[in-house]
Each structure stands twice: as structure tokens, then as C-alpha cells.
Amino acid sequence: MSTGNVENWTGNIAEIGAAYPFVGIETPLMIAGIVFWIYWHISQLRSESRELDEEVRRHGNAESLNKVLNDTDPNKR
């Protein structure tokens, strides 16, 4: 296994070069991660809003739910 072009390990670390692959790409990757994170949150909010609207459409609004609950109240009979 090659350790790179190092002849003397007691030298200056700056002279050795990069210690890991893709040096310098940290900032673009961080920006891409933040953009994806924000996009995911917006997408999730839209999806959950659509699901809520569908449930409200399917099951009715607060007034109709209260009417159903009041009609089945055993204390009213």
C-alpha cells in the first residue's frame, strides 16, 4: 500500500499535500446539503397540506364533525 510521496515523516505537514480525497469541495457540498434540506422541508409541508385538505374534504369540516359528535352523545337521549 502506498502512502504517497512522503520521504520523511518529520517534515512540514503542508508539504505533504492533501490528507483526504476531494479537498476543497466541503463548501459546495455544505451548500448543496442546506439547499436540499430546505427543499425537503418545503416539499414535506406541501405534501402534508395536500393530505390535510384531502382529509378535510373527505371527512368534512369542524361543523359537520361537531354535529356528528353531538348527535351520538348518549347524554342527549
N, C-alpha and C. Protein backbone atom coordinates (compact mmCIF):
# COMPACT_ATOMS: atom_id res chain seq x y z
N MET A 1 0.84 -1.17 0.00
CA MET A 1 0.00 0.00 0.00
C MET A 1 0.89 1.24 0.00
N SER A 2 0.57 2.16 -0.87
CA SER A 2 1.37 3.38 -0.98
C SER A 2 0.85 4.45 -0.04
N THR A 3 1.76 5.17 0.58
CA THR A 3 1.37 6.27 1.47
C THR A 3 1.59 7.61 0.82
N GLY A 4 1.79 7.64 -0.45
CA GLY A 4 2.00 8.89 -1.16
C GLY A 4 3.48 9.18 -1.33
N ASN A 5 3.76 10.40 -1.69
CA ASN A 5 5.14 10.82 -1.95
C ASN A 5 5.74 11.42 -0.69
N VAL A 6 5.93 10.59 0.32
CA VAL A 6 6.49 11.05 1.59
C VAL A 6 7.81 10.32 1.81
N GLU A 7 8.88 11.09 1.92
CA GLU A 7 10.19 10.50 2.18
C GLU A 7 10.58 10.63 3.65
N ASN A 8 10.09 11.67 4.30
CA ASN A 8 10.46 11.89 5.68
C ASN A 8 9.23 12.38 6.45
N TRP A 9 8.79 11.63 7.46
CA TRP A 9 7.58 11.97 8.19
C TRP A 9 7.80 13.08 9.21
N THR A 10 9.00 13.51 9.41
CA THR A 10 9.26 14.58 10.37
C THR A 10 9.20 15.96 9.72
N GLY A 11 8.86 16.03 8.46
CA GLY A 11 8.79 17.31 7.74
C GLY A 11 7.52 18.09 8.04
N ASN A 12 7.32 19.13 7.30
CA ASN A 12 6.17 20.01 7.44
C ASN A 12 4.95 19.35 6.81
N ILE A 13 3.82 19.33 7.52
CA ILE A 13 2.60 18.68 7.00
C ILE A 13 2.07 19.39 5.76
N ALA A 14 2.31 20.68 5.64
CA ALA A 14 1.84 21.43 4.47
C ALA A 14 2.55 20.97 3.21
N GLU A 15 3.74 20.45 3.33
CA GLU A 15 4.48 19.98 2.17
C GLU A 15 4.00 18.62 1.69
N ILE A 16 3.34 17.87 2.55
CA ILE A 16 2.88 16.53 2.20
C ILE A 16 1.73 16.59 1.20
N GLY A 17 0.79 17.53 1.39
CA GLY A 17 -0.33 17.66 0.48
C GLY A 17 -1.62 17.22 1.16
N ALA A 18 -2.58 16.92 0.37
CA ALA A 18 -3.91 16.58 0.88
C ALA A 18 -3.89 15.28 1.65
N ALA A 19 -4.59 15.27 2.77
CA ALA A 19 -4.65 14.07 3.61
C ALA A 19 -5.90 13.25 3.34
N TYR A 20 -6.82 13.79 2.54
CA TYR A 20 -8.05 13.07 2.21
C TYR A 20 -8.51 13.48 0.82
N PRO A 21 -9.34 12.67 0.18
CA PRO A 21 -9.78 12.99 -1.19
C PRO A 21 -10.79 14.14 -1.22
N PHE A 22 -10.93 14.75 -2.35
CA PHE A 22 -11.89 15.83 -2.62
C PHE A 22 -11.66 17.05 -1.73
N VAL A 23 -10.43 17.41 -1.52
CA VAL A 23 -10.10 18.58 -0.73
C VAL A 23 -10.62 19.82 -1.45
N GLY A 24 -11.28 20.68 -0.71
CA GLY A 24 -11.79 21.93 -1.28
C GLY A 24 -13.24 21.87 -1.70
N ILE A 25 -13.86 20.71 -1.63
CA ILE A 25 -15.25 20.59 -2.05
C ILE A 25 -16.21 20.65 -0.86
N GLU A 26 -15.69 20.92 0.34
CA GLU A 26 -16.53 20.93 1.54
C GLU A 26 -17.61 22.01 1.45
N THR A 27 -17.25 23.21 1.03
CA THR A 27 -18.22 24.31 0.98
C THR A 27 -19.33 24.04 -0.04
N PRO A 28 -19.02 23.64 -1.27
CA PRO A 28 -20.11 23.34 -2.21
C PRO A 28 -21.01 22.20 -1.71
N LEU A 29 -20.42 21.19 -1.08
CA LEU A 29 -21.24 20.10 -0.55
C LEU A 29 -22.13 20.58 0.59
N MET A 30 -21.62 21.46 1.44
CA MET A 30 -22.42 22.01 2.53
C MET A 30 -23.58 22.83 1.97
N ILE A 31 -23.30 23.67 0.97
CA ILE A 31 -24.35 24.48 0.35
C ILE A 31 -25.40 23.57 -0.29
N ALA A 32 -24.96 22.54 -1.00
CA ALA A 32 -25.90 21.60 -1.63
C ALA A 32 -26.74 20.90 -0.56
N GLY A 33 -26.12 20.54 0.56
CA GLY A 33 -26.87 19.88 1.64
C GLY A 33 -27.92 20.80 2.24
N ILE A 34 -27.58 22.06 2.45
CA ILE A 34 -28.54 23.01 3.01
C ILE A 34 -29.68 23.27 2.03
N VAL A 35 -29.36 23.42 0.75
CA VAL A 35 -30.40 23.62 -0.27
C VAL A 35 -31.33 22.42 -0.31
N PHE A 36 -30.77 21.21 -0.29
CA PHE A 36 -31.61 20.01 -0.30
C PHE A 36 -32.47 19.94 0.96
N TRP A 37 -31.92 20.31 2.11
CA TRP A 37 -32.66 20.29 3.37
C TRP A 37 -33.85 21.24 3.32
N ILE A 38 -33.63 22.45 2.82
CA ILE A 38 -34.72 23.43 2.71
C ILE A 38 -35.76 22.93 1.71
N TYR A 39 -35.31 22.41 0.55
CA TYR A 39 -36.24 21.86 -0.44
C TYR A 39 -37.08 20.74 0.16
N TRP A 40 -36.45 19.86 0.95
CA TRP A 40 -37.18 18.75 1.54
C TRP A 40 -38.26 19.25 2.48
N HIS A 41 -37.94 20.26 3.29
CA HIS A 41 -38.93 20.81 4.21
C HIS A 41 -40.11 21.44 3.45
N ILE A 42 -39.84 22.19 2.41
CA ILE A 42 -40.90 22.80 1.61
C ILE A 42 -41.74 21.71 0.96
N SER A 43 -41.10 20.71 0.40
CA SER A 43 -41.82 19.60 -0.23
C SER A 43 -42.69 18.87 0.79
N GLN A 44 -42.16 18.64 1.98
CA GLN A 44 -42.92 17.94 3.03
C GLN A 44 -44.12 18.77 3.47
N LEU A 45 -43.94 20.07 3.63
CA LEU A 45 -45.06 20.94 4.02
C LEU A 45 -46.17 20.92 2.96
N ARG A 46 -45.79 20.98 1.70
CA ARG A 46 -46.80 20.94 0.62
C ARG A 46 -47.53 19.60 0.61
N SER A 47 -46.79 18.52 0.77
CA SER A 47 -47.40 17.19 0.77
C SER A 47 -48.37 17.03 1.93
N GLU A 48 -47.98 17.47 3.12
CA GLU A 48 -48.84 17.34 4.28
C GLU A 48 -50.06 18.25 4.17
N SER A 49 -49.91 19.41 3.54
CA SER A 49 -51.05 20.29 3.31
C SER A 49 -52.06 19.64 2.37
N ARG A 50 -51.56 19.01 1.32
CA ARG A 50 -52.47 18.31 0.39
C ARG A 50 -53.20 17.18 1.10
N GLU A 51 -52.47 16.42 1.92
CA GLU A 51 -53.11 15.32 2.66
C GLU A 51 -54.18 15.85 3.61
N LEU A 52 -53.89 16.95 4.31
CA LEU A 52 -54.85 17.53 5.23
C LEU A 52 -56.08 18.03 4.48
N ASP A 53 -55.87 18.70 3.35
CA ASP A 53 -57.01 19.18 2.55
C ASP A 53 -57.87 18.01 2.08
N GLU A 54 -57.23 16.92 1.68
CA GLU A 54 -57.97 15.73 1.25
C GLU A 54 -58.77 15.13 2.40
N GLU A 55 -58.18 15.07 3.58
CA GLU A 55 -58.90 14.53 4.74
C GLU A 55 -60.08 15.41 5.12
N VAL A 56 -59.88 16.72 5.07
CA VAL A 56 -60.98 17.65 5.37
C VAL A 56 -62.08 17.49 4.33
N ARG A 57 -61.70 17.37 3.06
CA ARG A 57 -62.70 17.18 2.00
C ARG A 57 -63.46 15.87 2.19
N ARG A 58 -62.74 14.82 2.55
CA ARG A 58 -63.35 13.51 2.69
C ARG A 58 -64.21 13.41 3.95
N HIS A 59 -63.75 13.95 5.05
CA HIS A 59 -64.44 13.77 6.32
C HIS A 59 -65.26 14.97 6.76
N GLY A 60 -65.16 16.04 6.06
CA GLY A 60 -65.94 17.21 6.40
C GLY A 60 -65.15 18.22 7.20
N ASN A 61 -65.83 19.30 7.53
CA ASN A 61 -65.18 20.36 8.29
C ASN A 61 -65.51 20.23 9.78
N ALA A 62 -65.11 21.20 10.57
CA ALA A 62 -65.30 21.13 12.02
C ALA A 62 -66.78 21.13 12.39
N GLU A 63 -67.59 21.88 11.67
CA GLU A 63 -69.02 21.94 11.98
C GLU A 63 -69.69 20.57 11.79
N SER A 64 -69.40 19.91 10.69
CA SER A 64 -70.03 18.62 10.45
C SER A 64 -69.53 17.57 11.45
N LEU A 65 -68.26 17.65 11.82
CA LEU A 65 -67.75 16.70 12.81
C LEU A 65 -68.41 16.95 14.18
N ASN A 66 -68.58 18.21 14.55
CA ASN A 66 -69.26 18.52 15.81
C ASN A 66 -70.71 18.04 15.79
N LYS A 67 -71.36 18.18 14.64
CA LYS A 67 -72.74 17.72 14.52
C LYS A 67 -72.82 16.21 14.70
N VAL A 68 -71.92 15.49 14.10
CA VAL A 68 -71.90 14.03 14.24
C VAL A 68 -71.64 13.65 15.69
N LEU A 69 -70.69 14.31 16.32
CA LEU A 69 -70.37 14.01 17.71
C LEU A 69 -71.54 14.35 18.63
N ASN A 70 -72.21 15.44 18.39
CA ASN A 70 -73.34 15.83 19.23
C ASN A 70 -74.54 14.92 19.02
N ASP A 71 -74.74 14.43 17.81
CA ASP A 71 -75.86 13.53 17.52
C ASP A 71 -75.68 12.18 18.20
N THR A 72 -74.46 11.77 18.46
CA THR A 72 -74.22 10.48 19.08
C THR A 72 -73.94 10.60 20.57
N ASP A 73 -74.17 11.76 21.12
CA ASP A 73 -73.92 11.99 22.56
C ASP A 73 -74.96 11.23 23.36
N PRO A 74 -74.55 10.27 24.21
CA PRO A 74 -75.53 9.48 24.97
C PRO A 74 -76.29 10.31 26.01
N ASN A 75 -75.79 11.44 26.41
CA ASN A 75 -76.47 12.29 27.38
C ASN A 75 -77.67 13.01 26.79
N LYS A 76 -77.74 13.12 25.49
CA LYS A 76 -78.84 13.83 24.82
C LYS A 76 -80.06 12.92 24.65
N ARG A 77 -79.91 11.64 24.81
CA ARG A 77 -81.04 10.73 24.54
C ARG A 77 -81.92 10.60 25.71
